[in-house]
């Protein structure tokens, strides 16, 4: 993986690939469900993990190289 790609600390087990976009930097792509599992393995219950993930992980913008968190299609 490119050394310039920004990764989410502690979520290595949830990393599923690299996203590429026209004229934009490559970004790390994570599986949301696996991220929740990582947080639960650290002692959070599902509700706590989901709240922490939404607010502190998905809700953190760190520039154009901010990782992408991918979830399942609804419906």
PDB file of N, CA and C in Angstrom:
ATOM      1  N   UNK A   1       0.845  -1.176   0.000  1.00  0.00           N
ATOM      2  CA  UNK A   1       0.000   0.000   0.000  1.00  0.00           C
ATOM      3  C   UNK A   1       0.892   1.241   0.000  1.00  0.00           C
ATOM      4  N   UNK A   2       0.456   2.267  -0.668  1.00  0.00           N
ATOM      5  CA  UNK A   2       1.183   3.535  -0.770  1.00  0.00           C
ATOM      6  C   UNK A   2       1.389   4.134   0.618  1.00  0.00           C
ATOM      7  N   UNK A   3       2.606   4.571   0.894  1.00  0.00           N
ATOM      8  CA  UNK A   3       2.917   5.161   2.201  1.00  0.00           C
ATOM      9  C   UNK A   3       2.151   6.448   2.470  1.00  0.00           C
ATOM     10  N   UNK A   4       1.623   7.079   1.424  1.00  0.00           N
ATOM     11  CA  UNK A   4       0.888   8.330   1.590  1.00  0.00           C
ATOM     12  C   UNK A   4      -0.581   8.119   1.959  1.00  0.00           C
ATOM     13  N   UNK A   5      -1.044   6.870   1.945  1.00  0.00           N
ATOM     14  CA  UNK A   5      -2.444   6.599   2.280  1.00  0.00           C
ATOM     15  C   UNK A   5      -2.615   6.702   3.790  1.00  0.00           C
ATOM     16  N   UNK A   6      -3.621   7.453   4.194  1.00  0.00           N
ATOM     17  CA  UNK A   6      -3.926   7.640   5.609  1.00  0.00           C
ATOM     18  C   UNK A   6      -4.757   6.456   6.102  1.00  0.00           C
ATOM     19  N   UNK A   7      -4.323   5.826   7.185  1.00  0.00           N
ATOM     20  CA  UNK A   7      -5.049   4.675   7.730  1.00  0.00           C
ATOM     21  C   UNK A   7      -5.676   5.039   9.073  1.00  0.00           C
ATOM     22  N   UNK A   8      -6.710   4.304   9.434  1.00  0.00           N
ATOM     23  CA  UNK A   8      -7.396   4.487  10.712  1.00  0.00           C
ATOM     24  C   UNK A   8      -6.714   3.601  11.750  1.00  0.00           C
ATOM     25  N   UNK A   9      -6.065   4.220  12.714  1.00  0.00           N
ATOM     26  CA  UNK A   9      -5.328   3.477  13.740  1.00  0.00           C
ATOM     27  C   UNK A   9      -6.230   2.490  14.480  1.00  0.00           C
ATOM     28  N   UNK A  10      -5.742   1.269  14.618  1.00  0.00           N
ATOM     29  CA  UNK A  10      -6.447   0.251  15.374  1.00  0.00           C
ATOM     30  C   UNK A  10      -7.451  -0.561  14.577  1.00  0.00           C
ATOM     31  N   UNK A  11      -7.659  -0.210  13.329  1.00  0.00           N
ATOM     32  CA  UNK A  11      -8.667  -0.902  12.518  1.00  0.00           C
ATOM     33  C   UNK A  11      -8.061  -1.730  11.394  1.00  0.00           C
ATOM     34  N   UNK A  12      -6.836  -2.207  11.591  1.00  0.00           N
ATOM     35  CA  UNK A  12      -6.153  -2.989  10.559  1.00  0.00           C
ATOM     36  C   UNK A  12      -6.974  -4.205  10.124  1.00  0.00           C
ATOM     37  N   UNK A  13      -7.650  -4.841  11.074  1.00  0.00           N
ATOM     38  CA  UNK A  13      -8.444  -6.040  10.764  1.00  0.00           C
ATOM     39  C   UNK A  13      -9.657  -5.728   9.892  1.00  0.00           C
ATOM     40  N   UNK A  14     -10.035  -4.472   9.794  1.00  0.00           N
ATOM     41  CA  UNK A  14     -11.210  -4.076   9.018  1.00  0.00           C
ATOM     42  C   UNK A  14     -10.843  -3.474   7.659  1.00  0.00           C
ATOM     43  N   UNK A  15      -9.555  -3.320   7.374  1.00  0.00           N
ATOM     44  CA  UNK A  15      -9.101  -2.756   6.104  1.00  0.00           C
ATOM     45  C   UNK A  15      -9.379  -3.750   4.986  1.00  0.00           C
ATOM     46  N   UNK A  16     -10.114  -3.303   3.962  1.00  0.00           N
ATOM     47  CA  UNK A  16     -10.474  -4.220   2.874  1.00  0.00           C
ATOM     48  C   UNK A  16      -9.865  -3.832   1.532  1.00  0.00           C
ATOM     49  N   UNK A  17      -9.257  -2.658   1.448  1.00  0.00           N
ATOM     50  CA  UNK A  17      -8.649  -2.295   0.180  1.00  0.00           C
ATOM     51  C   UNK A  17      -8.309  -0.822   0.078  1.00  0.00           C
ATOM     52  N   UNK A  18      -8.029  -0.426  -1.148  1.00  0.00           N
ATOM     53  CA  UNK A  18      -7.674   0.956  -1.457  1.00  0.00           C
ATOM     54  C   UNK A  18      -8.668   1.476  -2.482  1.00  0.00           C
ATOM     55  N   UNK A  19      -9.222   2.650  -2.206  1.00  0.00           N
ATOM     56  CA  UNK A  19     -10.137   3.287  -3.148  1.00  0.00           C
ATOM     57  C   UNK A  19      -9.377   4.234  -4.055  1.00  0.00           C
ATOM     58  N   UNK A  20      -9.703   4.175  -5.337  1.00  0.00           N
ATOM     59  CA  UNK A  20      -9.054   5.048  -6.311  1.00  0.00           C
ATOM     60  C   UNK A  20     -10.117   5.892  -6.991  1.00  0.00           C
ATOM     61  N   UNK A  21      -9.820   7.189  -7.119  1.00  0.00           N
ATOM     62  CA  UNK A  21     -10.758   8.119  -7.739  1.00  0.00           C
ATOM     63  C   UNK A  21     -10.000   9.003  -8.725  1.00  0.00           C
ATOM     64  N   UNK A  22     -10.642   9.402  -9.782  1.00  0.00           N
ATOM     65  CA  UNK A  22     -10.004  10.245 -10.791  1.00  0.00           C
ATOM     66  C   UNK A  22      -9.487  11.533 -10.168  1.00  0.00           C
ATOM     67  N   UNK A  23      -8.223  11.805 -10.394  1.00  0.00           N
ATOM     68  CA  UNK A  23      -7.574  13.049  -9.984  1.00  0.00           C
ATOM     69  C   UNK A  23      -7.610  13.304  -8.473  1.00  0.00           C
ATOM     70  N   UNK A  24      -7.827  12.270  -7.685  1.00  0.00           N
ATOM     71  CA  UNK A  24      -7.854  12.372  -6.229  1.00  0.00           C
ATOM     72  C   UNK A  24      -6.839  11.394  -5.647  1.00  0.00           C
ATOM     73  N   UNK A  25      -6.386  11.658  -4.412  1.00  0.00           N
ATOM     74  CA  UNK A  25      -5.456  10.702  -3.804  1.00  0.00           C
ATOM     75  C   UNK A  25      -6.156   9.375  -3.496  1.00  0.00           C
ATOM     76  N   UNK A  26      -5.399   8.280  -3.555  1.00  0.00           N
ATOM     77  CA  UNK A  26      -5.939   6.983  -3.141  1.00  0.00           C
ATOM     78  C   UNK A  26      -6.275   7.045  -1.656  1.00  0.00           C
ATOM     79  N   UNK A  27      -7.310   6.303  -1.264  1.00  0.00           N
ATOM     80  CA  UNK A  27      -7.733   6.288   0.144  1.00  0.00           C
ATOM     81  C   UNK A  27      -7.920   4.859   0.641  1.00  0.00           C
ATOM     82  N   UNK A  28      -7.718   4.670   1.937  1.00  0.00           N
ATOM     83  CA  UNK A  28      -7.961   3.372   2.563  1.00  0.00           C
ATOM     84  C   UNK A  28      -9.474   3.150   2.655  1.00  0.00           C
ATOM     85  N   UNK A  29      -9.898   1.900   2.453  1.00  0.00           N
ATOM     86  CA  UNK A  29     -11.314   1.547   2.515  1.00  0.00           C
ATOM     87  C   UNK A  29     -11.496   0.469   3.585  1.00  0.00           C
ATOM     88  N   UNK A  30     -12.450   0.710   4.482  1.00  0.00           N
ATOM     89  CA  UNK A  30     -12.709  -0.191   5.603  1.00  0.00           C
ATOM     90  C   UNK A  30     -14.135  -0.721   5.553  1.00  0.00           C
ATOM     91  N   UNK A  31     -14.330  -1.919   6.077  1.00  0.00           N
ATOM     92  CA  UNK A  31     -15.642  -2.531   6.224  1.00  0.00           C
ATOM     93  C   UNK A  31     -16.236  -2.057   7.555  1.00  0.00           C
ATOM     94  N   UNK A  32     -17.382  -1.368   7.493  1.00  0.00           N
ATOM     95  CA  UNK A  32     -18.014  -0.830   8.711  1.00  0.00           C
ATOM     96  C   UNK A  32     -18.306  -1.913   9.743  1.00  0.00           C
ATOM     97  N   UNK A  33     -18.856  -3.038   9.304  1.00  0.00           N
ATOM     98  CA  UNK A  33     -19.199  -4.108  10.244  1.00  0.00           C
ATOM     99  C   UNK A  33     -17.963  -4.634  10.970  1.00  0.00           C
ATOM    100  N   UNK A  34     -16.878  -4.765  10.231  1.00  0.00           N
ATOM    101  CA  UNK A  34     -15.639  -5.230  10.853  1.00  0.00           C
ATOM    102  C   UNK A  34     -15.095  -4.190  11.828  1.00  0.00           C
ATOM    103  N   UNK A  35     -15.283  -2.909  11.525  1.00  0.00           N
ATOM    104  CA  UNK A  35     -14.862  -1.846  12.456  1.00  0.00           C
ATOM    105  C   UNK A  35     -15.632  -1.960  13.767  1.00  0.00           C
ATOM    106  N   UNK A  36     -16.930  -2.212  13.675  1.00  0.00           N
ATOM    107  CA  UNK A  36     -17.753  -2.379  14.872  1.00  0.00           C
ATOM    108  C   UNK A  36     -17.257  -3.584  15.670  1.00  0.00           C
ATOM    109  N   UNK A  37     -16.925  -4.672  14.981  1.00  0.00           N
ATOM    110  CA  UNK A  37     -16.389  -5.861  15.656  1.00  0.00           C
ATOM    111  C   UNK A  37     -15.088  -5.551  16.384  1.00  0.00           C
ATOM    112  N   UNK A  38     -14.217  -4.742  15.771  1.00  0.00           N
ATOM    113  CA  UNK A  38     -12.959  -4.346  16.412  1.00  0.00           C
ATOM    114  C   UNK A  38     -13.248  -3.613  17.718  1.00  0.00           C
ATOM    115  N   UNK A  39     -14.185  -2.682  17.676  1.00  0.00           N
ATOM    116  CA  UNK A  39     -14.520  -1.918  18.881  1.00  0.00           C
ATOM    117  C   UNK A  39     -15.150  -2.805  19.956  1.00  0.00           C
ATOM    118  N   UNK A  40     -15.972  -3.751  19.548  1.00  0.00           N
ATOM    119  CA  UNK A  40     -16.584  -4.662  20.512  1.00  0.00           C
ATOM    120  C   UNK A  40     -15.527  -5.559  21.150  1.00  0.00           C
ATOM    121  N   UNK A  41     -14.524  -5.934  20.390  1.00  0.00           N
ATOM    122  CA  UNK A  41     -13.433  -6.758  20.935  1.00  0.00           C
ATOM    123  C   UNK A  41     -12.628  -5.988  21.975  1.00  0.00           C
ATOM    124  N   UNK A  42     -12.734  -4.659  21.945  1.00  0.00           N
ATOM    125  CA  UNK A  42     -12.056  -3.813  22.924  1.00  0.00           C
ATOM    126  C   UNK A  42     -12.902  -3.598  24.176  1.00  0.00           C
ATOM    127  N   UNK A  43     -14.098  -4.223  24.229  1.00  0.00           N
ATOM    128  CA  UNK A  43     -14.914  -4.175  25.428  1.00  0.00           C
ATOM    129  C   UNK A  43     -16.200  -3.373  25.328  1.00  0.00           C
ATOM    130  N   UNK A  44     -16.487  -2.779  24.185  1.00  0.00           N
ATOM    131  CA  UNK A  44     -17.729  -2.026  24.033  1.00  0.00           C
ATOM    132  C   UNK A  44     -18.852  -2.979  23.664  1.00  0.00           C
ATOM    133  N   UNK A  45     -20.085  -2.649  24.111  1.00  0.00           N
ATOM    134  CA  UNK A  45     -21.222  -3.420  23.611  1.00  0.00           C
ATOM    135  C   UNK A  45     -21.569  -2.859  22.230  1.00  0.00           C
ATOM    136  N   UNK A  46     -22.480  -3.517  21.513  1.00  0.00           N
ATOM    137  CA  UNK A  46     -22.775  -3.123  20.125  1.00  0.00           C
ATOM    138  C   UNK A  46     -23.224  -1.664  20.032  1.00  0.00           C
ATOM    139  N   UNK A  47     -24.103  -1.245  20.904  1.00  0.00           N
ATOM    140  CA  UNK A  47     -24.615   0.129  20.859  1.00  0.00           C
ATOM    141  C   UNK A  47     -23.494   1.148  21.097  1.00  0.00           C
ATOM    142  N   UNK A  48     -22.663   0.887  22.087  1.00  0.00           N
ATOM    143  CA  UNK A  48     -21.528   1.777  22.359  1.00  0.00           C
ATOM    144  C   UNK A  48     -20.573   1.822  21.170  1.00  0.00           C
ATOM    145  N   UNK A  49     -20.308   0.656  20.597  1.00  0.00           N
ATOM    146  CA  UNK A  49     -19.392   0.576  19.464  1.00  0.00           C
ATOM    147  C   UNK A  49     -19.932   1.347  18.270  1.00  0.00           C
ATOM    148  N   UNK A  50     -21.218   1.214  17.997  1.00  0.00           N
ATOM    149  CA  UNK A  50     -21.823   1.909  16.871  1.00  0.00           C
ATOM    150  C   UNK A  50     -21.795   3.421  17.080  1.00  0.00           C
ATOM    151  N   UNK A  51     -22.111   3.862  18.283  1.00  0.00           N
ATOM    152  CA  UNK A  51     -22.092   5.296  18.582  1.00  0.00           C
ATOM    153  C   UNK A  51     -20.672   5.849  18.475  1.00  0.00           C
ATOM    154  N   UNK A  52     -19.714   5.149  19.057  1.00  0.00           N
ATOM    155  CA  UNK A  52     -18.319   5.576  18.996  1.00  0.00           C
ATOM    156  C   UNK A  52     -17.840   5.630  17.539  1.00  0.00           C
ATOM    157  N   UNK A  53     -18.171   4.610  16.782  1.00  0.00           N
ATOM    158  CA  UNK A  53     -17.760   4.536  15.387  1.00  0.00           C
ATOM    159  C   UNK A  53     -18.326   5.696  14.584  1.00  0.00           C
ATOM    160  N   UNK A  54     -19.632   5.947  14.712  1.00  0.00           N
ATOM    161  CA  UNK A  54     -20.267   7.023  13.939  1.00  0.00           C
ATOM    162  C   UNK A  54     -19.701   8.392  14.301  1.00  0.00           C
ATOM    163  N   UNK A  55     -19.538   8.665  15.582  1.00  0.00           N
ATOM    164  CA  UNK A  55     -19.105   9.993  16.018  1.00  0.00           C
ATOM    165  C   UNK A  55     -17.602  10.205  15.878  1.00  0.00           C
ATOM    166  N   UNK A  56     -16.821   9.243  16.350  1.00  0.00           N
ATOM    167  CA  UNK A  56     -15.369   9.433  16.440  1.00  0.00           C
ATOM    168  C   UNK A  56     -14.570   8.934  15.240  1.00  0.00           C
ATOM    169  N   UNK A  57     -15.146   8.039  14.475  1.00  0.00           N
ATOM    170  CA  UNK A  57     -14.407   7.482  13.341  1.00  0.00           C
ATOM    171  C   UNK A  57     -14.965   8.055  12.037  1.00  0.00           C
ATOM    172  N   UNK A  58     -16.199   7.740  11.717  1.00  0.00           N
ATOM    173  CA  UNK A  58     -16.802   8.245  10.478  1.00  0.00           C
ATOM    174  C   UNK A  58     -16.912   9.773  10.527  1.00  0.00           C
ATOM    175  N   UNK A  59     -17.167  10.316  11.698  1.00  0.00           N
ATOM    176  CA  UNK A  59     -17.347  11.753  11.839  1.00  0.00           C
ATOM    177  C   UNK A  59     -16.075  12.570  11.853  1.00  0.00           C
ATOM    178  N   UNK A  60     -14.942  11.929  11.665  1.00  0.00           N
ATOM    179  CA  UNK A  60     -13.665  12.647  11.681  1.00  0.00           C
ATOM    180  C   UNK A  60     -13.184  12.908  10.255  1.00  0.00           C
ATOM    181  N   UNK A  61     -13.126  14.168   9.884  1.00  0.00           N
ATOM    182  CA  UNK A  61     -12.596  14.551   8.578  1.00  0.00           C
ATOM    183  C   UNK A  61     -11.165  15.019   8.774  1.00  0.00           C
ATOM    184  N   UNK A  62     -10.242  14.411   8.070  1.00  0.00           N
ATOM    185  CA  UNK A  62      -8.829  14.785   8.194  1.00  0.00           C
ATOM    186  C   UNK A  62      -8.234  15.156   6.836  1.00  0.00           C
ATOM    187  N   UNK A  63      -9.073  15.627   5.939  1.00  0.00           N
ATOM    188  CA  UNK A  63      -8.614  16.066   4.631  1.00  0.00           C
ATOM    189  C   UNK A  63      -8.943  15.088   3.519  1.00  0.00           C
ATOM    190  N   UNK A  64      -8.375  15.373   2.354  1.00  0.00           N
ATOM    191  CA  UNK A  64      -8.678  14.590   1.149  1.00  0.00           C
ATOM    192  C   UNK A  64      -8.301  13.116   1.250  1.00  0.00           C
ATOM    193  N   UNK A  65      -7.455  12.771   2.190  1.00  0.00           N
ATOM    194  CA  UNK A  65      -7.032  11.379   2.347  1.00  0.00           C
ATOM    195  C   UNK A  65      -7.790  10.653   3.454  1.00  0.00           C
ATOM    196  N   UNK A  66      -8.879  11.269   3.950  1.00  0.00           N
ATOM    197  CA  UNK A  66      -9.706  10.633   4.972  1.00  0.00           C
ATOM    198  C   UNK A  66     -10.177   9.274   4.449  1.00  0.00           C
ATOM    199  N   UNK A  67     -10.011   8.209   5.252  1.00  0.00           N
ATOM    200  CA  UNK A  67     -10.457   6.891   4.818  1.00  0.00           C
ATOM    201  C   UNK A  67     -11.963   6.830   4.548  1.00  0.00           C
ATOM    202  N   UNK A  68     -12.348   5.840   3.768  1.00  0.00           N
ATOM    203  CA  UNK A  68     -13.744   5.563   3.441  1.00  0.00           C
ATOM    204  C   UNK A  68     -14.196   4.345   4.239  1.00  0.00           C
ATOM    205  N   UNK A  69     -15.395   4.418   4.792  1.00  0.00           N
ATOM    206  CA  UNK A  69     -15.963   3.304   5.559  1.00  0.00           C
ATOM    207  C   UNK A  69     -17.187   2.815   4.809  1.00  0.00           C
ATOM    208  N   UNK A  70     -17.104   1.570   4.336  1.00  0.00           N
ATOM    209  CA  UNK A  70     -18.115   1.018   3.453  1.00  0.00           C
ATOM    210  C   UNK A  70     -19.043   0.075   4.196  1.00  0.00           C
ATOM    211  N   UNK A  71     -20.348   0.259   3.970  1.00  0.00           N
ATOM    212  CA  UNK A  71     -21.347  -0.612   4.560  1.00  0.00           C
ATOM    213  C   UNK A  71     -22.167  -1.285   3.470  1.00  0.00           C
ATOM    214  N   UNK A  72     -23.084  -2.166   3.872  1.00  0.00           N
ATOM    215  CA  UNK A  72     -23.896  -2.890   2.900  1.00  0.00           C
ATOM    216  C   UNK A  72     -24.944  -1.971   2.265  1.00  0.00           C
ATOM    217  N   UNK A  73     -25.376  -2.339   1.059  1.00  0.00           N
ATOM    218  CA  UNK A  73     -26.481  -1.626   0.420  1.00  0.00           C
ATOM    219  C   UNK A  73     -27.749  -1.895   1.198  1.00  0.00           C
ATOM    220  N   UNK A  74     -28.550  -0.881   1.404  1.00  0.00           N
ATOM    221  CA  UNK A  74     -29.843  -1.071   2.076  1.00  0.00           C
ATOM    222  C   UNK A  74     -30.901  -1.329   1.023  1.00  0.00           C
ATOM    223  N   UNK A  75     -31.691  -2.394   1.284  1.00  0.00           N
ATOM    224  CA  UNK A  75     -32.832  -2.705   0.451  1.00  0.00           C
ATOM    225  C   UNK A  75     -32.471  -3.160  -0.890  1.00  0.00           C
TER     226      UNK A  75
END
